[in-house]
C-alpha atoms as a PDB file:
ATOM      1  CA  MET A   1      52.243 -12.270   7.815  1.00  0.00           C
ATOM      2  CA  LYS A   2      49.645 -14.031   5.685  1.00  0.00           C
ATOM      3  CA  ARG A   3      48.384 -15.941   8.722  1.00  0.00           C
ATOM      4  CA  ARG A   4      47.951 -12.679  10.660  1.00  0.00           C
ATOM      5  CA  LYS A   5      45.904 -11.133   7.844  1.00  0.00           C
ATOM      6  CA  THR A   6      43.676 -14.206   7.668  1.00  0.00           C
ATOM      7  CA  LYS A   7      43.136 -14.152  11.436  1.00  0.00           C
ATOM      8  CA  LEU A   8      42.334 -10.433  11.318  1.00  0.00           C
ATOM      9  CA  ARG A   9      39.800 -11.000   8.536  1.00  0.00           C
ATOM     10  CA  TYR A  10      38.087 -13.779  10.521  1.00  0.00           C
ATOM     11  CA  ASN A  11      37.931 -11.535  13.600  1.00  0.00           C
ATOM     12  CA  GLN A  12      36.359  -8.724  11.572  1.00  0.00           C
ATOM     13  CA  ASN A  13      33.794 -11.113  10.086  1.00  0.00           C
ATOM     14  CA  GLY A  14      32.995 -12.405  13.572  1.00  0.00           C
ATOM     15  CA  ILE A  15      32.381  -8.879  14.864  1.00  0.00           C
ATOM     16  CA  ALA A  16      30.162  -8.132  11.869  1.00  0.00           C
ATOM     17  CA  LEU A  17      28.139 -11.300  12.494  1.00  0.00           C
ATOM     18  CA  LEU A  18      27.827 -10.401  16.175  1.00  0.00           C
ATOM     19  CA  PHE A  19      26.264  -7.034  15.308  1.00  0.00           C
ATOM     20  CA  LEU A  20      24.060  -8.664  12.659  1.00  0.00           C
ATOM     21  CA  SER A  21      22.900 -11.459  14.954  1.00  0.00           C
ATOM     22  CA  PRO A  22      19.799  -9.612  16.359  1.00  0.00           C
ATOM     23  CA  TRP A  23      18.597  -8.961  12.810  1.00  0.00           C
ATOM     24  CA  LEU A  24      19.373 -12.529  11.700  1.00  0.00           C
ATOM     25  CA  LEU A  25      17.574 -13.909  14.762  1.00  0.00           C
ATOM     26  CA  GLY A  26      14.526 -11.748  14.014  1.00  0.00           C
ATOM     27  CA  LEU A  27      14.594 -12.740  10.328  1.00  0.00           C
ATOM     28  CA  VAL A  28      14.576 -16.462  11.178  1.00  0.00           C
ATOM     29  CA  CYS A  29      12.183 -16.407  14.153  1.00  0.00           C
ATOM     30  CA  LEU A  30       9.759 -13.645  13.118  1.00  0.00           C
ATOM     31  CA  THR A  31       9.765 -13.845   9.310  1.00  0.00           C
ATOM     32  CA  LEU A  32      11.146 -17.034   7.740  1.00  0.00           C
ATOM     33  CA  GLY A  33       9.866 -19.349  10.504  1.00  0.00           C
ATOM     34  CA  PRO A  34       6.245 -18.084  10.419  1.00  0.00           C
ATOM     35  CA  MET A  35       6.314 -18.080   6.607  1.00  0.00           C
ATOM     36  CA  ALA A  36       7.415 -21.735   6.539  1.00  0.00           C
ATOM     37  CA  ALA A  37       4.743 -22.649   9.112  1.00  0.00           C
ATOM     38  CA  SER A  38       2.105 -20.742   7.120  1.00  0.00           C
ATOM     39  CA  LEU A  39       3.094 -22.583   3.931  1.00  0.00           C
ATOM     40  CA  TYR A  40       2.679 -25.920   5.711  1.00  0.00           C
ATOM     41  CA  PHE A  41      -0.676 -24.963   7.300  1.00  0.00           C
ATOM     42  CA  SER A  42      -2.011 -23.849   3.906  1.00  0.00           C
ATOM     43  CA  PHE A  43      -2.120 -27.537   2.942  1.00  0.00           C
ATOM     44  CA  THR A  44      -3.844 -28.606   6.154  1.00  0.00           C
ATOM     45  CA  ASP A  45      -7.163 -28.376   7.964  1.00  0.00           C
ATOM     46  CA  TYR A  46      -6.022 -26.463  11.041  1.00  0.00           C
ATOM     47  CA  SER A  47      -8.273 -24.747  13.570  1.00  0.00           C
ATOM     48  CA  ILE A  48      -5.687 -23.697  16.232  1.00  0.00           C
ATOM     49  CA  LEU A  49      -7.674 -25.630  18.866  1.00  0.00           C
ATOM     50  CA  GLU A  50      -6.973 -29.015  17.228  1.00  0.00           C
ATOM     51  CA  SER A  51      -3.994 -30.617  15.544  1.00  0.00           C
ATOM     52  CA  SER A  52      -3.526 -29.928  11.863  1.00  0.00           C
ATOM     53  CA  ARG A  53      -4.614 -32.543   9.297  1.00  0.00           C
ATOM     54  CA  TRP A  54      -3.008 -32.748   5.832  1.00  0.00           C
ATOM     55  CA  ILE A  55      -5.600 -32.157   3.065  1.00  0.00           C
ATOM     56  CA  GLY A  56      -3.366 -31.248   0.137  1.00  0.00           C
ATOM     57  CA  LEU A  57      -4.787 -28.605  -2.216  1.00  0.00           C
ATOM     58  CA  ASP A  58      -8.341 -28.675  -0.796  1.00  0.00           C
ATOM     59  CA  ASN A  59      -8.072 -25.169   0.708  1.00  0.00           C
ATOM     60  CA  PHE A  60      -7.055 -23.699  -2.650  1.00  0.00           C
ATOM     61  CA  THR A  61      -9.713 -25.686  -4.527  1.00  0.00           C
ATOM     62  CA  THR A  62     -12.452 -24.544  -2.118  1.00  0.00           C
ATOM     63  CA  MET A  63     -11.225 -20.972  -2.376  1.00  0.00           C
ATOM     64  CA  LEU A  64     -11.458 -20.876  -6.164  1.00  0.00           C
ATOM     65  CA  THR A  65     -14.606 -22.966  -6.700  1.00  0.00           C
ATOM     66  CA  ALA A  66     -16.884 -22.841  -3.648  1.00  0.00           C
ATOM     67  CA  ASP A  67     -16.290 -19.609  -1.751  1.00  0.00           C
ATOM     68  CA  PRO A  68     -18.205 -16.625  -3.170  1.00  0.00           C
ATOM     69  CA  LEU A  69     -16.886 -14.368  -0.399  1.00  0.00           C
ATOM     70  CA  PHE A  70     -13.329 -15.038  -1.606  1.00  0.00           C
ATOM     71  CA  ILE A  71     -14.293 -13.745  -5.057  1.00  0.00           C
ATOM     72  CA  GLN A  72     -16.104 -10.792  -3.456  1.00  0.00           C
ATOM     73  CA  SER A  73     -13.046  -9.909  -1.356  1.00  0.00           C
ATOM     74  CA  LEU A  74     -10.870 -10.024  -4.489  1.00  0.00           C
ATOM     75  CA  LYS A  75     -13.309  -7.771  -6.341  1.00  0.00           C
ATOM     76  CA  VAL A  76     -13.401  -5.229  -3.492  1.00  0.00           C
ATOM     77  CA  THR A  77      -9.600  -5.268  -3.174  1.00  0.00           C
ATOM     78  CA  PHE A  78      -9.000  -4.838  -6.902  1.00  0.00           C
ATOM     79  CA  ILE A  79     -11.379  -1.850  -7.042  1.00  0.00           C
ATOM     80  CA  PHE A  80      -9.654  -0.358  -4.005  1.00  0.00           C
ATOM     81  CA  VAL A  81      -6.166  -0.836  -5.483  1.00  0.00           C
ATOM     82  CA  PHE A  82      -6.946   0.311  -9.030  1.00  0.00           C
ATOM     83  CA  VAL A  83      -8.830   3.430  -7.883  1.00  0.00           C
ATOM     84  CA  SER A  84      -6.970   4.518  -4.752  1.00  0.00           C
ATOM     85  CA  VAL A  85      -3.360   4.108  -5.984  1.00  0.00           C
ATOM     86  CA  PRO A  86      -3.659   6.309  -9.131  1.00  0.00           C
ATOM     87  CA  LEU A  87      -5.722   8.930  -7.254  1.00  0.00           C
ATOM     88  CA  LYS A  88      -3.264   9.046  -4.364  1.00  0.00           C
ATOM     89  CA  LEU A  89      -0.249   9.365  -6.667  1.00  0.00           C
ATOM     90  CA  MET A  90      -1.861  12.067  -8.821  1.00  0.00           C
ATOM     91  CA  PHE A  91      -2.815  14.037  -5.719  1.00  0.00           C
ATOM     92  CA  ALA A  92       0.655  13.586  -4.203  1.00  0.00           C
ATOM     93  CA  LEU A  93       2.339  14.720  -7.433  1.00  0.00           C
ATOM     94  CA  ALA A  94       0.061  17.779  -7.711  1.00  0.00           C
ATOM     95  CA  VAL A  95       0.873  18.879  -4.153  1.00  0.00           C
ATOM     96  CA  ALA A  96       4.587  18.175  -4.703  1.00  0.00           C
ATOM     97  CA  LEU A  97       4.552  20.371  -7.833  1.00  0.00           C
ATOM     98  CA  LEU A  98       2.977  23.198  -5.812  1.00  0.00           C
ATOM     99  CA  LEU A  99       5.504  22.843  -2.996  1.00  0.00           C
ATOM    100  CA  ASN A 100       8.350  22.822  -5.536  1.00  0.00           C
ATOM    101  CA  LYS A 101       7.598  26.431  -6.469  1.00  0.00           C
ATOM    102  CA  GLY A 102       9.981  27.699  -3.782  1.00  0.00           C
ATOM    103  CA  ILE A 103       7.294  29.041  -1.467  1.00  0.00           C
ATOM    104  CA  ARG A 104       8.167  30.280   2.006  1.00  0.00           C
ATOM    105  CA  GLY A 105       7.746  27.929   4.957  1.00  0.00           C
ATOM    106  CA  LEU A 106       8.209  24.840   2.786  1.00  0.00           C
ATOM    107  CA  GLY A 107       9.233  22.752   5.802  1.00  0.00           C
ATOM    108  CA  ILE A 108       5.995  23.615   7.619  1.00  0.00           C
ATOM    109  CA  TYR A 109       3.812  22.755   4.630  1.00  0.00           C
ATOM    110  CA  ARG A 110       5.737  19.524   4.084  1.00  0.00           C
ATOM    111  CA  THR A 111       5.184  18.522   7.723  1.00  0.00           C
ATOM    112  CA  VAL A 112       1.492  19.433   7.632  1.00  0.00           C
ATOM    113  CA  TYR A 113       0.887  17.371   4.498  1.00  0.00           C
ATOM    114  CA  TYR A 114       2.860  14.441   5.909  1.00  0.00           C
ATOM    115  CA  ILE A 115       0.887  14.249   9.176  1.00  0.00           C
ATOM    116  CA  PRO A 116      -2.093  12.343   7.639  1.00  0.00           C
ATOM    117  CA  THR A 117       0.322   9.629   6.525  1.00  0.00           C
ATOM    118  CA  LEU A 118       1.573   9.212  10.082  1.00  0.00           C
ATOM    119  CA  LEU A 119      -1.937   9.161  11.529  1.00  0.00           C
ATOM    120  CA  GLY A 120      -3.993   7.712   8.688  1.00  0.00           C
ATOM    121  CA  GLY A 121      -3.356   4.041   9.453  1.00  0.00           C
ATOM    122  CA  SER A 122      -4.217   4.361  13.127  1.00  0.00           C
ATOM    123  CA  VAL A 123      -7.371   3.051  14.751  1.00  0.00           C
ATOM    124  CA  ALA A 124      -8.244   6.491  16.167  1.00  0.00           C
ATOM    125  CA  ILE A 125      -8.181   8.163  12.740  1.00  0.00           C
ATOM    126  CA  ALA A 126     -10.271   5.382  11.202  1.00  0.00           C
ATOM    127  CA  MET A 127     -12.878   5.855  13.963  1.00  0.00           C
ATOM    128  CA  LEU A 128     -12.792   9.630  13.455  1.00  0.00           C
ATOM    129  CA  TRP A 129     -13.226   9.103   9.706  1.00  0.00           C
ATOM    130  CA  ARG A 130     -16.253   6.918  10.375  1.00  0.00           C
ATOM    131  CA  LYS A 131     -17.815   9.607  12.570  1.00  0.00           C
ATOM    132  CA  MET A 132     -17.156  12.305   9.972  1.00  0.00           C
ATOM    133  CA  LEU A 133     -18.704  10.352   7.093  1.00  0.00           C
ATOM    134  CA  GLY A 134     -21.598   8.815   9.032  1.00  0.00           C
ATOM    135  CA  GLY A 135     -25.237   9.707   8.453  1.00  0.00           C
ATOM    136  CA  ASP A 136     -25.164  12.461  11.074  1.00  0.00           C
ATOM    137  CA  GLY A 137     -21.451  13.176  10.639  1.00  0.00           C
ATOM    138  CA  LEU A 138     -19.692  16.460  10.030  1.00  0.00           C
ATOM    139  CA  LEU A 139     -19.728  16.159   6.234  1.00  0.00           C
ATOM    140  CA  ASN A 140     -23.473  15.581   6.041  1.00  0.00           C
ATOM    141  CA  GLN A 141     -24.120  18.414   8.504  1.00  0.00           C
ATOM    142  CA  LEU A 142     -22.178  20.792   6.259  1.00  0.00           C
ATOM    143  CA  LEU A 143     -24.036  19.536   3.177  1.00  0.00           C
ATOM    144  CA  ALA A 144     -27.362  19.920   5.031  1.00  0.00           C
ATOM    145  CA  MET A 145     -26.527  23.585   5.690  1.00  0.00           C
ATOM    146  CA  ALA A 146     -26.243  23.957   1.907  1.00  0.00           C
ATOM    147  CA  GLY A 147     -29.605  22.236   1.454  1.00  0.00           C
ATOM    148  CA  ILE A 148     -28.173  18.902   0.290  1.00  0.00           C
ATOM    149  CA  GLN A 149     -29.512  15.692   1.828  1.00  0.00           C
ATOM    150  CA  ALA A 150     -26.570  13.320   1.589  1.00  0.00           C
ATOM    151  CA  PRO A 151     -26.600   9.567   2.277  1.00  0.00           C
ATOM    152  CA  ASP A 152     -24.699   7.773   5.012  1.00  0.00           C
ATOM    153  CA  TRP A 153     -21.359   7.404   3.255  1.00  0.00           C
ATOM    154  CA  VAL A 154     -20.251   4.546   5.529  1.00  0.00           C
ATOM    155  CA  SER A 155     -23.431   2.463   5.875  1.00  0.00           C
ATOM    156  CA  ASN A 156     -24.570   2.748   2.264  1.00  0.00           C
ATOM    157  CA  PRO A 157     -23.031  -0.103   0.200  1.00  0.00           C
ATOM    158  CA  LYS A 158     -22.892   2.182  -2.864  1.00  0.00           C
ATOM    159  CA  TYR A 159     -20.460   4.572  -1.189  1.00  0.00           C
ATOM    160  CA  SER A 160     -18.785   2.691   1.687  1.00  0.00           C
ATOM    161  CA  LEU A 161     -15.836   1.430  -0.362  1.00  0.00           C
ATOM    162  CA  TYR A 162     -15.237   4.912  -1.770  1.00  0.00           C
ATOM    163  CA  SER A 163     -15.082   6.221   1.806  1.00  0.00           C
ATOM    164  CA  LEU A 164     -12.154   3.854   2.336  1.00  0.00           C
ATOM    165  CA  ILE A 165     -10.582   5.018  -0.927  1.00  0.00           C
ATOM    166  CA  LEU A 166     -10.937   8.646   0.189  1.00  0.00           C
ATOM    167  CA  LEU A 167      -9.232   7.809   3.478  1.00  0.00           C
ATOM    168  CA  SER A 168      -6.411   6.106   1.573  1.00  0.00           C
ATOM    169  CA  VAL A 169      -5.942   9.060  -0.790  1.00  0.00           C
ATOM    170  CA  TRP A 170      -5.806  11.374   2.236  1.00  0.00           C
ATOM    171  CA  GLN A 171      -2.630   9.555   3.318  1.00  0.00           C
ATOM    172  CA  PHE A 172      -0.604  10.846   0.352  1.00  0.00           C
ATOM    173  CA  GLY A 173       2.208  12.371   2.435  1.00  0.00           C
ATOM    174  CA  SER A 174       4.925   9.758   1.955  1.00  0.00           C
ATOM    175  CA  SER A 175       4.473   9.680  -1.832  1.00  0.00           C
ATOM    176  CA  MET A 176       4.416  13.484  -1.909  1.00  0.00           C
ATOM    177  CA  ILE A 177       7.731  13.703  -0.026  1.00  0.00           C
ATOM    178  CA  ILE A 178       9.359  11.263  -2.483  1.00  0.00           C
ATOM    179  CA  PHE A 179       7.942  13.159  -5.487  1.00  0.00           C
ATOM    180  CA  LEU A 180       9.189  16.448  -4.044  1.00  0.00           C
ATOM    181  CA  SER A 181      12.660  14.979  -3.609  1.00  0.00           C
ATOM    182  CA  GLY A 182      12.568  13.755  -7.226  1.00  0.00           C
ATOM    183  CA  LEU A 183      11.447  17.156  -8.535  1.00  0.00           C
ATOM    184  CA  LYS A 184      14.427  18.804  -6.832  1.00  0.00           C
ATOM    185  CA  GLN A 185      16.692  16.576  -8.947  1.00  0.00           C
ATOM    186  CA  VAL A 186      15.307  17.763 -12.307  1.00  0.00           C
ATOM    187  CA  PRO A 187      18.014  20.000 -13.843  1.00  0.00           C
ATOM    188  CA  PRO A 188      16.623  23.559 -14.283  1.00  0.00           C
ATOM    189  CA  GLU A 189      18.650  23.827 -17.510  1.00  0.00           C
ATOM    190  CA  TYR A 190      16.117  21.529 -19.163  1.00  0.00           C
ATOM    191  CA  TYR A 191      13.307  24.018 -18.494  1.00  0.00           C
ATOM    192  CA  ASP A 192      15.446  26.993 -19.553  1.00  0.00           C
ATOM    193  CA  ALA A 193      16.374  25.342 -22.850  1.00  0.00           C
ATOM    194  CA  SER A 194      12.766  24.301 -23.557  1.00  0.00           C
ATOM    195  CA  SER A 195      11.531  27.838 -22.809  1.00  0.00           C
ATOM    196  CA  VAL A 196      13.942  29.188 -25.410  1.00  0.00           C
ATOM    197  CA  ASP A 197      12.440  26.707 -27.878  1.00  0.00           C
ATOM    198  CA  GLY A 198       8.942  27.976 -27.039  1.00  0.00           C
ATOM    199  CA  ALA A 199       7.686  25.097 -24.906  1.00  0.00           C
ATOM    200  CA  GLY A 200       4.774  25.870 -22.582  1.00  0.00           C
ATOM    201  CA  LYS A 201       4.200  24.689 -19.019  1.00  0.00           C
ATOM    202  CA  VAL A 202       2.093  21.711 -20.139  1.00  0.00           C
ATOM    203  CA  GLY A 203       4.696  20.678 -22.698  1.00  0.00           C
ATOM    204  CA  GLN A 204       7.479  20.975 -20.113  1.00  0.00           C
ATOM    205  CA  PHE A 205       5.504  18.838 -17.693  1.00  0.00           C
ATOM    206  CA  LEU A 206       4.765  16.141 -20.277  1.00  0.00           C
ATOM    207  CA  HIS A 207       8.158  16.046 -21.996  1.00  0.00           C
ATOM    208  CA  ILE A 208      10.582  16.957 -19.183  1.00  0.00           C
ATOM    209  CA  THR A 209       9.097  16.512 -15.714  1.00  0.00           C
ATOM    210  CA  LEU A 210       7.309  13.201 -16.245  1.00  0.00           C
ATOM    211  CA  PRO A 211      10.151  11.427 -18.118  1.00  0.00           C
ATOM    212  CA  VAL A 212      12.815  12.569 -15.626  1.00  0.00           C
ATOM    213  CA  LEU A 213      10.532  11.721 -12.720  1.00  0.00           C
ATOM    214  CA  SER A 214       9.490   8.337 -14.120  1.00  0.00           C
ATOM    215  CA  PRO A 215      11.863   6.260 -11.877  1.00  0.00           C
ATOM    216  CA  VAL A 216      10.349   7.985  -8.829  1.00  0.00           C
ATOM    217  CA  ILE A 217       6.814   7.397 -10.146  1.00  0.00           C
ATOM    218  CA  PHE A 218       7.697   3.751 -10.721  1.00  0.00           C
ATOM    219  CA  PHE A 219       8.965   3.378  -7.143  1.00  0.00           C
ATOM    220  CA  ASN A 220       5.834   5.005  -5.715  1.00  0.00           C
ATOM    221  CA  VAL A 221       3.540   2.832  -7.859  1.00  0.00           C
ATOM    222  CA  ILE A 222       5.274  -0.336  -6.626  1.00  0.00           C
ATOM    223  CA  MET A 223       5.195   0.660  -2.955  1.00  0.00           C
ATOM    224  CA  GLN A 224       1.629   1.986  -2.963  1.00  0.00           C
ATOM    225  CA  THR A 225       0.289  -1.034  -4.876  1.00  0.00           C
ATOM    226  CA  ILE A 226       1.816  -3.447  -2.367  1.00  0.00           C
ATOM    227  CA  THR A 227       0.484  -1.368   0.540  1.00  0.00           C
ATOM    228  CA  ALA A 228      -3.008  -1.142  -0.976  1.00  0.00           C
ATOM    229  CA  PHE A 229      -3.254  -4.906  -1.433  1.00  0.00           C
ATOM    230  CA  GLN A 230      -2.540  -5.312   2.293  1.00  0.00           C
ATOM    231  CA  SER A 231      -4.984  -2.646   3.554  1.00  0.00           C
ATOM    232  CA  PHE A 232      -6.768  -3.831   6.681  1.00  0.00           C
ATOM    233  CA  THR A 233      -7.139  -1.380   9.584  1.00  0.00           C
ATOM    234  CA  GLN A 234      -9.439   1.128   7.890  1.00  0.00           C
ATOM    235  CA  ALA A 235     -11.811  -1.536   6.574  1.00  0.00           C
ATOM    236  CA  PHE A 236     -11.839  -3.322   9.919  1.00  0.00           C
ATOM    237  CA  ILE A 237     -12.667  -0.203  11.938  1.00  0.00           C
ATOM    238  CA  ILE A 238     -15.127   1.420   9.564  1.00  0.00           C
ATOM    239  CA  SER A 239     -17.106  -1.809   9.042  1.00  0.00           C
ATOM    240  CA  ASN A 240     -16.821  -2.950  12.660  1.00  0.00           C
ATOM    241  CA  GLY A 241     -14.833  -5.941  11.443  1.00  0.00           C
ATOM    242  CA  SER A 242     -17.718  -7.274   9.356  1.00  0.00           C
ATOM    243  CA  GLY A 243     -16.726  -6.067   5.885  1.00  0.00           C
ATOM    244  CA  GLY A 244     -20.227  -4.629   5.527  1.00  0.00           C
ATOM    245  CA  PRO A 245     -22.576  -3.294   4.562  1.00  0.00           C
ATOM    246  CA  VAL A 246     -23.424  -6.205   2.256  1.00  0.00           C
ATOM    247  CA  ASN A 247     -19.720  -7.149   2.034  1.00  0.00           C
ATOM    248  CA  SER A 248     -19.008  -3.892   0.203  1.00  0.00           C
ATOM    249  CA  THR A 249     -15.837  -3.259   2.264  1.00  0.00           C
ATOM    250  CA  LEU A 250     -14.743  -6.885   2.598  1.00  0.00           C
ATOM    251  CA  MET A 251     -11.094  -6.335   1.757  1.00  0.00           C
ATOM    252  CA  TYR A 252      -8.989  -9.429   1.111  1.00  0.00           C
ATOM    253  CA  SER A 253      -6.888  -9.003   4.266  1.00  0.00           C
ATOM    254  CA  LEU A 254     -10.045  -8.476   6.343  1.00  0.00           C
ATOM    255  CA  TYR A 255     -11.602 -11.679   5.014  1.00  0.00           C
ATOM    256  CA  LEU A 256      -8.311 -13.496   5.682  1.00  0.00           C
ATOM    257  CA  TYR A 257      -8.379 -12.205   9.276  1.00  0.00           C
ATOM    258  CA  LYS A 258     -11.989 -13.324   9.751  1.00  0.00           C
ATOM    259  CA  LYS A 259     -11.214 -16.803   8.457  1.00  0.00           C
ATOM    260  CA  GLY A 260      -8.208 -17.178  10.751  1.00  0.00           C
ATOM    261  CA  PHE A 261      -9.269 -15.491  13.976  1.00  0.00           C
ATOM    262  CA  SER A 262     -13.098 -15.380  13.877  1.00  0.00           C
ATOM    263  CA  PHE A 263     -13.855 -18.754  12.298  1.00  0.00           C
ATOM    264  CA  PHE A 264     -10.582 -20.437  13.426  1.00  0.00           C
ATOM    265  CA  GLN A 265      -9.921 -21.768   9.918  1.00  0.00           C
ATOM    266  CA  MET A 266      -6.204 -21.110  10.164  1.00  0.00           C
ATOM    267  CA  GLY A 267      -5.313 -23.528   7.372  1.00  0.00           C
ATOM    268  CA  TYR A 268      -7.676 -21.765   4.971  1.00  0.00           C
ATOM    269  CA  ALA A 269      -6.395 -18.353   6.112  1.00  0.00           C
ATOM    270  CA  SER A 270      -2.805 -19.487   5.496  1.00  0.00           C
ATOM    271  CA  ALA A 271      -3.757 -20.559   1.971  1.00  0.00           C
ATOM    272  CA  MET A 272      -5.338 -17.131   1.419  1.00  0.00           C
ATOM    273  CA  ALA A 273      -2.151 -15.459   2.657  1.00  0.00           C
ATOM    274  CA  TRP A 274      -0.069 -17.308   0.078  1.00  0.00           C
ATOM    275  CA  VAL A 275      -2.521 -16.441  -2.680  1.00  0.00           C
ATOM    276  CA  LEU A 276      -2.098 -12.788  -1.651  1.00  0.00           C
ATOM    277  CA  VAL A 277       1.689 -13.158  -1.801  1.00  0.00           C
ATOM    278  CA  LEU A 278       1.409 -14.606  -5.307  1.00  0.00           C
ATOM    279  CA  LEU A 279      -0.974 -11.828  -6.398  1.00  0.00           C
ATOM    280  CA  ILE A 280       1.344  -9.097  -5.127  1.00  0.00           C
ATOM    281  CA  GLY A 281       4.306 -10.831  -6.763  1.00  0.00           C
ATOM    282  CA  LEU A 282       2.427 -11.121 -10.058  1.00  0.00           C
ATOM    283  CA  PHE A 283       1.445  -7.442 -10.138  1.00  0.00           C
ATOM    284  CA  THR A 284       4.963  -6.418  -9.126  1.00  0.00           C
ATOM    285  CA  LEU A 285       6.396  -8.483 -11.989  1.00  0.00           C
ATOM    286  CA  LEU A 286       3.909  -6.907 -14.417  1.00  0.00           C
ATOM    287  CA  LEU A 287       4.920  -3.437 -13.265  1.00  0.00           C
ATOM    288  CA  PHE A 288       8.601  -4.272 -13.660  1.00  0.00           C
ATOM    289  CA  GLY A 289       7.893  -5.685 -17.125  1.00  0.00           C
ATOM    290  CA  SER A 290       5.978  -2.573 -18.202  1.00  0.00           C
ATOM    291  CA  SER A 291       8.680  -0.269 -16.800  1.00  0.00           C
ATOM    292  CA  LYS A 292      10.789  -0.830 -19.944  1.00  0.00           C
ATOM    293  CA  LEU A 293       8.135   1.083 -21.882  1.00  0.00           C
ATOM    294  CA  TRP A 294       7.711   4.167 -19.700  1.00  0.00           C
ATOM    295  CA  VAL A 295      10.517   4.472 -17.125  1.00  0.00           C
ATOM    296  CA  HIS A 296      13.555   6.423 -18.315  1.00  0.00           C
ATOM    297  CA  TYR A 297      16.933   6.215 -16.559  1.00  0.00           C
ATOM    298  CA  GLU A 298      19.764   8.598 -17.242  1.00  0.00           C
ATOM    299  CA  ASP A 299      22.202   5.685 -17.556  1.00  0.00           C
ATOM    300  CA  GLY A 300      19.787   3.672 -19.684  1.00  0.00           C
ATOM    301  CA  GLY A 301      18.819   1.423 -16.778  1.00  0.00           C
ATOM    302  CA  LYS A 302      22.158  -0.387 -16.727  1.00  0.00           C
END
């Protein structure tokens, strides 16, 4: 009897492994394998066209001491992350609060607001965005009708990065859907009890909605921060792959791409990729560390 149970358990495990095998194969061949190769190349001088040559930490030393464009790409990326993520989340939360009022046709509004998220990362939308914000684009034509002579929002280095931030904020749909789902979970009894005690709408938002919603806010902050650090398509399309004007849109991932596939410095690009991994990991750890101060779980976070 015991032998039959053991055989049955082995058969069940074998079937489970059979169904998992495509995922395991993809994990090893498409994720872990390239990551291991990238880690090795980060310590080499590798140009794709020639064999790699071991140079130790030279790529990392050059990056930190003799590459001003690396520092510029970090600066541009940090501005993009620290401005676009809070703006996107505030906008998403504001729209979610409006949609949580029980208005008719909620499904239609939810779909309409989610569409930019589906389209925003595409090449076509980035090109359309460039045409709209160009010197003779739709936005400037509308401003000209009001007597306002506006600059070229894409070609002017003062405003080009903020054009990318605006495009990022426009893609608030996924965060909005998650916020809306979180708002539906807030017990209405909390608001009823606070109303009896004389609390106003602002007080209810600050002392009920935000604390109860804080785990959802935390999740959105983590996901949007990681996504923002990896932003590439919009900067590539709007700057024609140059990161211009005057390196004002030289995002970190764009500079990494140029090093690897334009200048064929694959070893240096691999080193940059691992620095990006460490940066994202560091900021994620900081967010998790700070969560003890502002994220509230009903079970105390156990």
